[in-house]
Amino acid sequence: MKIQQLWVKRNDLRDMQVVEREPKPLAEGEVRVAIDKFGLTANNVSYAVSGDVIGYWKYFPAEGDWGIVPAWGFADVVESRCGELPVGERLWGFFPMATHVTLQPGKLTPTQLIDFAPHRKPLPGLYNQYMRTANDPPPLKAMEDARCLLFPLFATSFVLFDYLIANAFFGAEQVLIGSASSKTGFGLAHLLHHDPKITQRVVGLTSPRNVNFVEGLGVFDAVVAYPHIASMDIGLRTAFVDMAGSAPLIEAVHQRFGDQIKESCIVGATHWEAERDRAEVPGAKPKFFFAPTHIARREQDWGPGQVMMRAFAASMKITQSLTGKIEVQTHRGTQAAGEQLLKLLNNEIPPSQGLMLSLREC
């Protein structure tokens, strides 16, 4: 058995190679899992763009200038030297774009475990948790693809939703969502739209070609194409939640709304090749939003595990509302995986499409 991994150049994501490695013998307590499938979204590009800053490249190290992009997926235990985790167990969590990976399970419960591999201990702990799926209820088992493609993004939507509520929307009367066609973006809009206690207006900003898709979701009070930002009404105090990570977009919004911007948080990098360095802008200073930080705060308020439990419940509801609006396509093999990643990087995947990949041919 050869282990195959898809490597990308960290400073040139379009430069890829498939690397084959011999599996190392397992140490006591380790397991080897075969990665069955994983979702590919703009979220993975955000992981790569911020890989050196946050540490995403360190979860599954490559060599030299190369990195392995992490993804959310399912894997099955195929070798085990951990008595509490037998061969055949199916796990959901954070995996490399590869055919196999070795984990060092610890703190096992009937529903989850933590990877205690030494190189992962200093990294954000949220991504070291894996769910044991054997006892999942049938409705959740039936949503495997959505769990990879949508749940991690909608969980972030929920955390953003709670962040805004916890801060009383920073006094804002409307929420602007940049890159509204992104799943995290329209997931946040869904939660705001369907909460009867929310009075804030919700406006989606998107590219002209995605306006129809975003309007069709039915969760925005208004949808504005990027070229029309300069003519937007500036009469409302505004919270800006940006999934694009584009300096020109941030500057355009801040220059238009000025001191009416009461909160400005950058969540993702869907416009991953856009200029990042920006000039000083009026209004609240833009800052990066790191979901695990808010989750950690809420863990203290609500108790361990409560944030993700609520986030997953919200994710299921949002997913069910999207029936017929997202077409899932499955691609297998290293060549197909590389091709689809390149298409994503080239902005050739429409928001109405979800990609499930596997490096294994069958």
Protein backbone atom coordinates (compact mmCIF):
# COMPACT_ATOMS: atom_id res chain seq x y z
CA MET A 1 0.00 0.00 0.00
CA LYS A 2 1.27 3.44 -0.96
CA ILE A 3 0.07 6.62 0.75
CA GLN A 4 -0.73 9.37 -1.75
CA GLN A 5 -0.83 13.03 -0.80
CA LEU A 6 -1.72 16.11 -2.85
CA TRP A 7 0.89 18.80 -2.20
CA VAL A 8 0.63 22.45 -3.25
CA LYS A 9 3.28 25.15 -3.29
CA ARG A 10 2.52 27.38 -0.34
CA ASN A 11 3.40 30.52 -2.31
CA ASP A 12 1.83 29.34 -5.60
CA LEU A 13 -1.28 27.27 -4.92
CA ARG A 14 -1.73 26.30 -8.57
CA ASP A 15 1.58 24.42 -8.50
CA MET A 16 0.67 20.90 -7.35
CA GLN A 17 2.19 17.46 -7.19
CA VAL A 18 1.09 14.03 -6.03
CA VAL A 19 3.57 12.50 -3.59
CA GLU A 20 3.67 8.78 -2.79
CA ARG A 21 5.07 7.51 0.50
CA GLU A 22 5.55 4.17 2.15
CA PRO A 23 3.47 3.82 5.31
CA LYS A 24 5.48 3.79 8.52
CA PRO A 25 4.81 1.08 11.10
CA LEU A 26 2.34 2.27 13.73
CA ALA A 27 3.59 3.07 17.20
CA GLU A 28 1.67 1.91 20.25
CA GLY A 29 -1.55 3.91 20.57
CA GLU A 30 -1.65 5.04 16.93
CA VAL A 31 -4.20 4.27 14.22
CA ARG A 32 -4.06 4.60 10.45
CA VAL A 33 -7.20 5.78 8.69
CA ALA A 34 -8.13 5.59 5.02
CA ILE A 35 -9.69 8.89 3.96
CA ASP A 36 -12.89 8.03 2.14
CA LYS A 37 -13.98 11.50 1.02
CA PHE A 38 -13.72 15.19 1.81
CA GLY A 39 -15.44 18.40 0.80
CA LEU A 40 -13.79 21.09 -1.31
CA THR A 41 -14.99 24.67 -0.90
CA ALA A 42 -13.59 28.19 -0.76
CA ASN A 43 -12.97 27.42 2.91
CA ASN A 44 -10.05 25.22 1.89
CA VAL A 45 -8.57 28.12 -0.05
CA SER A 46 -8.90 30.29 3.06
CA TYR A 47 -7.00 27.62 5.02
CA ALA A 48 -4.21 27.77 2.46
CA VAL A 49 -4.08 31.58 2.25
CA SER A 50 -3.86 31.89 6.04
CA GLY A 51 -1.87 28.69 6.48
CA ASP A 52 1.32 30.32 7.74
CA VAL A 53 -0.46 32.87 9.95
CA ILE A 54 -2.82 30.51 11.78
CA GLY A 55 -0.88 27.29 11.34
CA TYR A 56 -3.06 25.26 8.98
CA TRP A 57 0.01 23.99 7.10
CA LYS A 58 1.28 22.45 10.35
CA TYR A 59 -1.58 19.99 10.86
CA PHE A 60 -0.35 17.69 8.09
CA PRO A 61 3.22 18.80 7.30
CA ALA A 62 4.80 18.44 3.89
CA GLU A 63 8.39 19.44 3.06
CA GLY A 64 10.20 22.58 1.98
CA ASP A 65 7.95 25.09 0.25
CA TRP A 66 5.14 22.56 -0.08
CA GLY A 67 2.00 22.14 2.00
CA ILE A 68 -1.03 19.88 2.30
CA VAL A 69 -4.38 21.67 2.32
CA PRO A 70 -6.64 20.33 5.09
CA ALA A 71 -10.29 19.48 4.50
CA TRP A 72 -13.32 18.17 6.37
CA GLY A 73 -14.17 14.59 5.57
CA PHE A 74 -14.77 10.98 6.57
CA ALA A 75 -12.19 8.26 7.13
CA ASP A 76 -12.20 4.62 8.25
CA VAL A 77 -9.73 3.00 10.64
CA VAL A 78 -7.78 0.38 8.64
CA GLU A 79 -4.95 -0.33 11.11
CA SER A 80 -5.02 0.11 14.87
CA ARG A 81 -2.67 -0.14 17.81
CA CYS A 82 -5.21 1.62 19.99
CA GLY A 83 -7.39 -0.81 21.89
CA GLU A 84 -10.21 1.71 22.26
CA LEU A 85 -10.46 2.42 18.52
CA PRO A 86 -10.81 -0.77 16.47
CA VAL A 87 -10.44 -1.32 12.75
CA GLY A 88 -13.67 -0.40 10.96
CA GLU A 89 -14.54 2.70 12.98
CA ARG A 90 -15.66 5.63 10.85
CA LEU A 91 -14.52 9.14 11.83
CA TRP A 92 -15.50 12.63 10.74
CA GLY A 93 -13.13 15.53 11.10
CA PHE A 94 -10.13 17.46 9.79
CA PHE A 95 -8.04 15.43 7.33
CA PRO A 96 -5.32 16.05 4.76
CA MET A 97 -5.92 15.81 1.03
CA ALA A 98 -4.46 12.33 1.01
CA THR A 99 -5.42 8.67 0.89
CA HIS A 100 -4.34 7.89 4.48
CA VAL A 101 -3.13 9.59 7.64
CA THR A 102 -1.92 8.43 11.06
CA LEU A 103 -3.65 9.67 14.22
CA GLN A 104 -2.74 9.34 17.88
CA PRO A 105 -6.16 9.13 19.60
CA GLY A 106 -6.69 10.25 23.17
CA LYS A 107 -9.55 11.30 25.46
CA LEU A 108 -11.85 8.86 23.72
CA THR A 109 -15.56 8.95 24.52
CA PRO A 110 -18.33 7.03 22.75
CA THR A 111 -18.82 10.01 20.42
CA GLN A 112 -15.43 11.66 19.91
CA LEU A 113 -11.66 11.63 20.32
CA ILE A 114 -8.74 14.04 20.13
CA ASP A 115 -5.59 13.57 18.07
CA PHE A 116 -2.67 13.96 20.47
CA ALA A 117 0.07 13.82 17.83
CA PRO A 118 2.87 15.97 19.34
CA HIS A 119 3.12 18.34 16.36
CA ARG A 120 -0.60 19.20 16.68
CA LYS A 121 -0.70 20.04 20.38
CA PRO A 122 0.30 23.73 19.96
CA LEU A 123 -2.30 24.25 17.19
CA PRO A 124 -5.93 25.39 17.63
CA GLY A 125 -7.60 22.46 19.37
CA LEU A 126 -10.92 22.64 17.51
CA TYR A 127 -9.30 20.97 14.50
CA ASN A 128 -7.85 18.12 16.57
CA GLN A 129 -11.29 16.78 17.51
CA TYR A 130 -12.79 13.84 15.60
CA MET A 131 -16.32 12.50 15.83
CA ARG A 132 -16.96 8.77 16.07
CA THR A 133 -19.95 8.19 13.81
CA ALA A 134 -21.07 4.64 14.60
CA ASN A 135 -23.89 5.80 16.86
CA ASP A 136 -24.96 8.84 14.84
CA PRO A 137 -28.74 9.06 14.36
CA PRO A 138 -29.96 8.03 10.89
CA PRO A 139 -30.80 11.62 9.77
CA LEU A 140 -27.20 12.66 10.45
CA LYS A 141 -25.79 9.54 8.77
CA ALA A 142 -27.80 10.44 5.67
CA MET A 143 -26.07 13.84 5.47
CA GLU A 144 -22.44 12.75 5.08
CA ASP A 145 -21.72 14.93 2.05
CA ALA A 146 -23.40 17.94 3.63
CA ARG A 147 -21.44 17.31 6.82
CA CYS A 148 -18.21 17.70 4.84
CA LEU A 149 -19.27 20.49 2.50
CA LEU A 150 -21.63 22.59 4.56
CA PHE A 151 -21.50 21.90 8.29
CA PRO A 152 -18.03 23.39 8.95
CA LEU A 153 -19.04 26.54 7.06
CA PHE A 154 -22.49 26.82 8.60
CA ALA A 155 -20.95 26.21 12.02
CA THR A 156 -18.84 29.31 11.38
CA SER A 157 -22.02 31.08 10.28
CA PHE A 158 -23.56 30.20 13.65
CA VAL A 159 -20.52 31.43 15.56
CA LEU A 160 -20.64 34.73 13.66
CA PHE A 161 -24.38 34.99 14.32
CA ASP A 162 -23.78 34.47 18.03
CA TYR A 163 -20.84 36.90 18.00
CA LEU A 164 -23.05 39.65 16.60
CA ILE A 165 -25.82 38.92 19.09
CA ALA A 166 -23.37 38.76 22.03
CA ASN A 167 -22.14 42.22 21.08
CA ALA A 168 -25.61 43.67 20.41
CA PHE A 169 -24.57 44.05 16.76
CA PHE A 170 -22.20 46.80 17.95
CA GLY A 171 -25.15 49.15 17.70
CA ALA A 172 -25.61 48.45 13.99
CA GLU A 173 -28.99 48.63 12.26
CA GLN A 174 -27.91 46.53 9.29
CA VAL A 175 -25.46 43.76 8.47
CA LEU A 176 -23.51 43.81 5.20
CA ILE A 177 -22.16 40.41 4.17
CA GLY A 178 -19.27 40.43 1.70
CA SER A 179 -19.07 37.48 -0.69
CA ALA A 180 -22.71 36.66 0.01
CA SER A 181 -22.63 33.69 -2.37
CA SER A 182 -20.16 31.93 -0.06
CA LYS A 183 -21.71 29.25 2.12
CA THR A 184 -20.58 30.92 5.33
CA GLY A 185 -22.02 34.18 4.07
CA PHE A 186 -25.48 32.95 3.14
CA GLY A 187 -25.53 30.67 6.20
CA LEU A 188 -25.16 33.76 8.38
CA ALA A 189 -27.89 35.50 6.40
CA HIS A 190 -30.19 32.49 6.90
CA LEU A 191 -29.77 32.60 10.67
CA LEU A 192 -30.36 36.35 10.82
CA HIS A 193 -33.35 36.18 8.49
CA HIS A 194 -35.11 33.38 10.38
CA ASP A 195 -34.63 34.74 13.89
CA PRO A 196 -37.76 36.73 14.77
CA LYS A 197 -35.84 38.74 17.38
CA ILE A 198 -33.44 40.16 14.80
CA THR A 199 -34.49 43.56 13.47
CA GLN A 200 -31.31 44.39 11.57
CA ARG A 201 -31.50 44.64 7.78
CA VAL A 202 -29.36 42.02 6.01
CA VAL A 203 -27.67 42.98 2.75
CA GLY A 204 -25.58 40.69 0.57
CA LEU A 205 -22.66 41.94 -1.52
CA THR A 206 -21.67 39.73 -4.43
CA SER A 207 -20.33 39.66 -7.96
CA PRO A 208 -22.76 40.51 -10.79
CA ARG A 209 -22.78 36.92 -12.04
CA ASN A 210 -23.90 35.58 -8.65
CA VAL A 211 -26.69 38.06 -7.98
CA ASN A 212 -29.45 35.72 -9.21
CA PHE A 213 -28.20 32.82 -7.08
CA VAL A 214 -27.97 34.96 -3.94
CA GLU A 215 -31.39 36.52 -4.49
CA GLY A 216 -32.85 33.06 -5.04
CA LEU A 217 -31.80 31.98 -1.55
CA GLY A 218 -34.48 34.26 -0.13
CA VAL A 219 -32.55 35.22 3.02
CA PHE A 220 -31.34 38.73 2.16
CA ASP A 221 -33.34 41.95 2.39
CA ALA A 222 -31.30 43.24 -0.53
CA VAL A 223 -28.52 42.03 -2.80
CA VAL A 224 -26.00 44.50 -4.22
CA ALA A 225 -23.41 43.78 -6.91
CA TYR A 226 -19.91 45.02 -6.06
CA PRO A 227 -19.87 47.76 -8.75
CA HIS A 228 -22.92 49.37 -7.09
CA ILE A 229 -21.48 49.75 -3.58
CA ALA A 230 -20.65 53.39 -4.30
CA SER A 231 -24.35 54.20 -4.70
CA MET A 232 -25.66 52.38 -1.59
CA ASP A 233 -27.80 54.18 1.00
CA ILE A 234 -25.59 55.16 3.93
CA GLY A 235 -28.33 56.07 6.37
CA LEU A 236 -27.99 53.04 8.67
CA ARG A 237 -25.35 52.13 11.25
CA THR A 238 -23.65 49.07 9.77
CA ALA A 239 -21.79 45.91 10.76
CA PHE A 240 -19.67 44.59 7.90
CA VAL A 241 -18.89 40.85 7.86
CA ASP A 242 -16.52 40.09 5.00
CA MET A 243 -15.90 36.61 3.61
CA ALA A 244 -13.87 37.88 0.65
CA GLY A 245 -10.72 39.22 2.32
CA SER A 246 -10.22 41.71 -0.50
CA ALA A 247 -8.61 45.04 0.34
CA PRO A 248 -10.38 46.87 -2.54
CA LEU A 249 -13.76 45.57 -1.35
CA ILE A 250 -13.08 46.51 2.28
CA GLU A 251 -11.93 49.97 1.22
CA ALA A 252 -14.97 50.45 -1.03
CA VAL A 253 -17.39 49.59 1.80
CA HIS A 254 -15.60 51.70 4.39
CA GLN A 255 -15.20 54.68 2.07
CA ARG A 256 -18.91 54.55 1.23
CA PHE A 257 -20.22 54.14 4.79
CA GLY A 258 -17.48 55.94 6.73
CA ASP A 259 -18.21 56.29 10.42
CA GLN A 260 -21.46 54.37 9.98
CA ILE A 261 -19.31 51.20 10.04
CA LYS A 262 -19.53 50.13 13.68
CA GLU A 263 -17.95 46.68 13.24
CA SER A 264 -15.81 45.25 10.47
CA CYS A 265 -14.61 41.67 10.66
CA ILE A 266 -12.76 39.65 8.05
CA VAL A 267 -13.72 35.96 8.10
CA GLY A 268 -12.42 34.33 4.92
CA ALA A 269 -10.55 34.81 1.67
CA THR A 270 -12.90 33.83 -1.14
CA HIS A 271 -11.19 36.55 -3.24
CA TRP A 272 -7.91 34.86 -2.48
CA GLU A 273 -5.82 36.62 -5.13
CA ALA A 274 -7.09 40.09 -4.32
CA GLU A 275 -4.79 42.70 -2.81
CA ARG A 276 -4.56 42.23 0.98
CA ASP A 277 -2.70 45.39 1.97
CA ARG A 278 -5.15 48.22 2.43
CA ALA A 279 -5.00 51.87 3.28
CA GLU A 280 -6.38 53.29 6.50
CA VAL A 281 -10.16 53.40 6.26
CA PRO A 282 -12.86 55.35 8.11
CA GLY A 283 -15.18 53.63 10.55
CA ALA A 284 -14.42 50.68 12.83
CA LYS A 285 -11.01 49.18 12.18
CA PRO A 286 -11.22 45.94 10.16
CA LYS A 287 -10.02 42.91 12.14
CA PHE A 288 -9.65 39.21 11.48
CA PHE A 289 -12.36 37.00 13.01
CA PHE A 290 -11.04 33.65 14.27
CA ALA A 291 -14.01 31.43 15.13
CA PRO A 292 -12.19 29.22 17.69
CA THR A 293 -11.55 32.29 19.84
CA HIS A 294 -15.26 33.06 20.17
CA ILE A 295 -16.03 29.35 20.62
CA ALA A 296 -13.61 29.21 23.55
CA ARG A 297 -15.38 32.14 25.19
CA ARG A 298 -18.78 30.55 24.75
CA GLU A 299 -17.50 27.24 26.08
CA GLN A 300 -17.01 29.04 29.39
CA ASP A 301 -20.52 30.51 29.25
CA TRP A 302 -22.45 27.48 28.03
CA GLY A 303 -20.29 24.51 29.02
CA PRO A 304 -18.02 22.15 27.06
CA GLY A 305 -19.35 21.03 23.71
CA GLN A 306 -22.44 23.23 23.78
CA VAL A 307 -21.28 25.66 21.09
CA MET A 308 -20.69 22.96 18.49
CA MET A 309 -23.86 21.13 19.46
CA ARG A 310 -25.87 24.28 18.77
CA ALA A 311 -23.83 25.02 15.65
CA PHE A 312 -24.51 21.54 14.25
CA ALA A 313 -28.23 21.85 14.96
CA ALA A 314 -28.22 25.15 13.07
CA SER A 315 -26.21 23.58 10.24
CA MET A 316 -28.77 20.81 9.78
CA LYS A 317 -31.59 23.34 9.50
CA ILE A 318 -29.74 25.50 6.99
CA THR A 319 -28.79 22.43 4.95
CA GLN A 320 -32.38 21.22 4.83
CA SER A 321 -33.46 24.62 3.54
CA LEU A 322 -31.11 24.27 0.55
CA THR A 323 -32.73 21.20 -0.99
CA GLY A 324 -32.52 21.58 -4.76
CA LYS A 325 -30.25 24.63 -4.59
CA ILE A 326 -26.84 22.94 -4.22
CA GLU A 327 -25.79 20.19 -6.65
CA VAL A 328 -23.17 17.85 -5.19
CA GLN A 329 -20.61 16.38 -7.60
CA THR A 330 -18.25 13.58 -6.61
CA HIS A 331 -14.77 13.15 -8.14
CA ARG A 332 -12.32 10.36 -7.33
CA GLY A 333 -8.60 9.92 -7.95
CA THR A 334 -5.57 12.17 -7.63
CA GLN A 335 -5.87 13.64 -11.11
CA ALA A 336 -9.52 14.58 -10.64
CA ALA A 337 -8.81 16.06 -7.21
CA GLY A 338 -6.04 18.25 -8.61
CA GLU A 339 -8.23 19.36 -11.50
CA GLN A 340 -11.11 20.35 -9.23
CA LEU A 341 -8.84 22.20 -6.83
CA LEU A 342 -7.43 24.14 -9.79
CA LYS A 343 -10.95 25.00 -10.96
CA LEU A 344 -11.78 26.26 -7.50
CA LEU A 345 -8.65 28.40 -7.44
CA ASN A 346 -9.57 29.77 -10.87
CA ASN A 347 -13.06 30.71 -9.64
CA GLU A 348 -14.68 28.28 -12.07
CA ILE A 349 -16.96 26.55 -9.56
CA PRO A 350 -20.42 28.17 -9.32
CA PRO A 351 -21.89 28.71 -5.83
CA SER A 352 -24.71 26.31 -6.69
CA GLN A 353 -22.22 23.42 -6.91
CA GLY A 354 -20.63 21.39 -4.11
CA LEU A 355 -17.56 19.24 -4.65
CA MET A 356 -16.83 15.96 -2.86
CA LEU A 357 -13.39 14.52 -3.54
CA SER A 358 -11.37 11.41 -2.79
CA LEU A 359 -7.78 10.73 -3.75
CA ARG A 360 -8.60 7.03 -3.86
CA GLU A 361 -9.81 5.68 -7.20
CA CYS A 362 -12.49 3.49 -5.63
